Amino acid sequence: MQAEKRANIKAGLSVRVLKKEDQRTGRLTEGVVRDILTKSPSHPHGIKVRLESGIVGRVKEILA
């Protein structure tokens, strides 16, 4: 699935996100989607979400 399309992201989905502070290193953080923050149907850098842990980042990989 494409992480750039909002329709592919749902609450409860396991994903890997890129946090703003990790953009230089490219280190991904794994978690479960709590909220979708991007309002547009797609975004070239990935849909911005809030994980259940409270971390905010852009989805780079959808796990399940």
N, C-alpha and C. Protein backbone atom coordinates (compact mmCIF):
# COMPACT_ATOMS: atom_id res chain seq x y z
N MET A 1 0.84 -1.20 0.00
CA MET A 1 0.00 0.00 0.00
C MET A 1 0.87 1.24 0.00
N GLN A 2 0.33 2.30 -0.55
CA GLN A 2 1.07 3.55 -0.62
C GLN A 2 0.84 4.39 0.63
N ALA A 3 1.94 4.82 1.24
CA ALA A 3 1.85 5.64 2.45
C ALA A 3 1.53 7.09 2.12
N GLU A 4 1.53 7.46 0.84
CA GLU A 4 1.25 8.85 0.44
C GLU A 4 -0.24 9.13 0.28
N LYS A 5 -1.07 8.10 0.32
CA LYS A 5 -2.52 8.26 0.12
C LYS A 5 -3.25 8.12 1.46
N ARG A 6 -4.05 9.13 1.79
CA ARG A 6 -4.78 9.16 3.06
C ARG A 6 -5.76 8.01 3.19
N ALA A 7 -6.36 7.57 2.08
CA ALA A 7 -7.35 6.50 2.10
C ALA A 7 -6.75 5.17 2.57
N ASN A 8 -5.43 5.01 2.46
CA ASN A 8 -4.77 3.77 2.87
C ASN A 8 -4.45 3.73 4.36
N ILE A 9 -4.58 4.85 5.05
CA ILE A 9 -4.22 4.95 6.47
C ILE A 9 -5.48 4.94 7.32
N LYS A 10 -5.53 4.07 8.30
CA LYS A 10 -6.67 3.99 9.21
C LYS A 10 -6.17 3.92 10.65
N ALA A 11 -6.99 4.37 11.58
CA ALA A 11 -6.66 4.23 13.00
C ALA A 11 -6.54 2.75 13.34
N GLY A 12 -5.54 2.40 14.14
CA GLY A 12 -5.32 1.03 14.53
C GLY A 12 -4.33 0.29 13.64
N LEU A 13 -3.87 0.93 12.58
CA LEU A 13 -2.93 0.32 11.64
C LEU A 13 -1.51 0.40 12.18
N SER A 14 -0.74 -0.66 12.02
CA SER A 14 0.68 -0.64 12.41
C SER A 14 1.49 -0.03 11.28
N VAL A 15 2.30 0.97 11.62
CA VAL A 15 3.07 1.70 10.61
C VAL A 15 4.47 2.04 11.13
N ARG A 16 5.32 2.48 10.22
CA ARG A 16 6.60 3.09 10.58
C ARG A 16 6.56 4.53 10.10
N VAL A 17 6.89 5.46 10.99
CA VAL A 17 6.84 6.88 10.67
C VAL A 17 8.22 7.51 10.78
N LEU A 18 8.39 8.61 10.06
CA LEU A 18 9.60 9.41 10.14
C LEU A 18 9.27 10.67 10.92
N LYS A 19 9.87 10.82 12.11
CA LYS A 19 9.65 12.02 12.92
C LYS A 19 10.46 13.17 12.34
N LYS A 20 10.01 14.39 12.60
CA LYS A 20 10.68 15.59 12.10
C LYS A 20 12.15 15.62 12.50
N GLU A 21 12.43 15.28 13.77
CA GLU A 21 13.81 15.34 14.26
C GLU A 21 14.69 14.22 13.70
N ASP A 22 14.09 13.21 13.07
CA ASP A 22 14.86 12.10 12.49
C ASP A 22 15.01 12.21 10.97
N GLN A 23 14.61 13.34 10.40
CA GLN A 23 14.67 13.48 8.94
C GLN A 23 16.09 13.38 8.40
N ARG A 24 17.07 13.89 9.13
CA ARG A 24 18.46 13.82 8.67
C ARG A 24 18.99 12.39 8.66
N THR A 25 18.64 11.61 9.68
CA THR A 25 19.15 10.24 9.79
C THR A 25 18.28 9.24 9.05
N GLY A 26 16.99 9.54 8.87
CA GLY A 26 16.07 8.62 8.21
C GLY A 26 15.60 7.50 9.12
N ARG A 27 15.84 7.62 10.43
CA ARG A 27 15.44 6.58 11.39
C ARG A 27 13.92 6.55 11.53
N LEU A 28 13.34 5.35 11.35
CA LEU A 28 11.89 5.18 11.41
C LEU A 28 11.47 4.69 12.80
N THR A 29 10.28 5.12 13.22
CA THR A 29 9.72 4.73 14.50
C THR A 29 8.45 3.93 14.24
N GLU A 30 8.34 2.78 14.88
CA GLU A 30 7.19 1.90 14.67
C GLU A 30 6.10 2.18 15.71
N GLY A 31 4.85 2.09 15.29
CA GLY A 31 3.75 2.29 16.22
C GLY A 31 2.41 2.05 15.56
N VAL A 32 1.35 2.34 16.32
CA VAL A 32 -0.03 2.14 15.87
C VAL A 32 -0.70 3.51 15.72
N VAL A 33 -1.36 3.73 14.61
CA VAL A 33 -2.00 5.02 14.30
C VAL A 33 -3.15 5.28 15.26
N ARG A 34 -3.14 6.48 15.89
CA ARG A 34 -4.26 6.93 16.71
C ARG A 34 -5.09 7.95 15.94
N ASP A 35 -4.43 8.98 15.36
CA ASP A 35 -5.12 10.05 14.63
C ASP A 35 -4.41 10.31 13.31
N ILE A 36 -5.20 10.67 12.29
CA ILE A 36 -4.64 11.11 11.01
C ILE A 36 -4.68 12.64 11.01
N LEU A 37 -3.52 13.27 10.83
CA LEU A 37 -3.44 14.73 10.94
C LEU A 37 -3.49 15.43 9.58
N THR A 38 -3.09 14.76 8.50
CA THR A 38 -3.13 15.35 7.16
C THR A 38 -4.57 15.39 6.67
N LYS A 39 -5.01 16.54 6.22
CA LYS A 39 -6.39 16.70 5.74
C LYS A 39 -6.54 16.39 4.26
N SER A 40 -5.50 16.62 3.45
CA SER A 40 -5.60 16.40 2.01
C SER A 40 -5.58 14.90 1.69
N PRO A 41 -6.12 14.50 0.53
CA PRO A 41 -6.20 13.08 0.19
C PRO A 41 -4.85 12.40 -0.05
N SER A 42 -3.81 13.20 -0.32
CA SER A 42 -2.47 12.62 -0.49
C SER A 42 -1.42 13.67 -0.15
N HIS A 43 -0.19 13.19 0.10
CA HIS A 43 0.93 14.08 0.39
C HIS A 43 2.19 13.40 -0.09
N PRO A 44 3.04 14.10 -0.84
CA PRO A 44 4.22 13.46 -1.45
C PRO A 44 5.23 12.91 -0.43
N HIS A 45 5.25 13.41 0.79
CA HIS A 45 6.21 12.95 1.80
C HIS A 45 5.59 11.96 2.79
N GLY A 46 4.33 11.60 2.58
CA GLY A 46 3.66 10.68 3.49
C GLY A 46 2.61 11.40 4.32
N ILE A 47 1.61 10.65 4.74
CA ILE A 47 0.51 11.20 5.54
C ILE A 47 0.98 11.39 6.99
N LYS A 48 0.72 12.56 7.54
CA LYS A 48 1.12 12.84 8.93
C LYS A 48 0.10 12.24 9.88
N VAL A 49 0.60 11.49 10.88
CA VAL A 49 -0.26 10.83 11.84
C VAL A 49 0.27 11.02 13.26
N ARG A 50 -0.60 10.78 14.24
CA ARG A 50 -0.19 10.70 15.65
C ARG A 50 -0.34 9.24 16.04
N LEU A 51 0.72 8.68 16.61
CA LEU A 51 0.69 7.29 17.06
C LEU A 51 0.08 7.22 18.45
N GLU A 52 -0.29 6.01 18.89
CA GLU A 52 -0.87 5.83 20.22
C GLU A 52 0.10 6.26 21.31
N SER A 53 1.40 6.25 21.01
CA SER A 53 2.41 6.69 21.98
C SER A 53 2.51 8.22 22.05
N GLY A 54 1.79 8.93 21.16
CA GLY A 54 1.83 10.39 21.14
C GLY A 54 2.83 10.96 20.13
N ILE A 55 3.64 10.11 19.52
CA ILE A 55 4.62 10.54 18.52
C ILE A 55 3.90 10.98 17.25
N VAL A 56 4.37 12.10 16.67
CA VAL A 56 3.82 12.60 15.41
C VAL A 56 4.89 12.44 14.33
N GLY A 57 4.48 11.90 13.18
CA GLY A 57 5.41 11.73 12.08
C GLY A 57 4.67 11.40 10.80
N ARG A 58 5.43 11.31 9.72
CA ARG A 58 4.86 10.98 8.42
C ARG A 58 5.04 9.50 8.13
N VAL A 59 3.96 8.85 7.68
CA VAL A 59 4.00 7.41 7.42
C VAL A 59 4.91 7.12 6.23
N LYS A 60 5.88 6.23 6.46
CA LYS A 60 6.80 5.79 5.39
C LYS A 60 6.55 4.35 5.01
N GLU A 61 6.07 3.53 5.96
CA GLU A 61 5.79 2.12 5.67
C GLU A 61 4.52 1.71 6.41
N ILE A 62 3.69 0.93 5.72
CA ILE A 62 2.50 0.35 6.34
C ILE A 62 2.81 -1.11 6.61
N LEU A 63 2.67 -1.54 7.87
CA LEU A 63 3.06 -2.90 8.25
C LEU A 63 1.90 -3.88 8.21
N ALA A 64 0.74 -3.50 8.70
CA ALA A 64 -0.40 -4.44 8.73
C ALA A 64 -1.70 -3.67 8.81
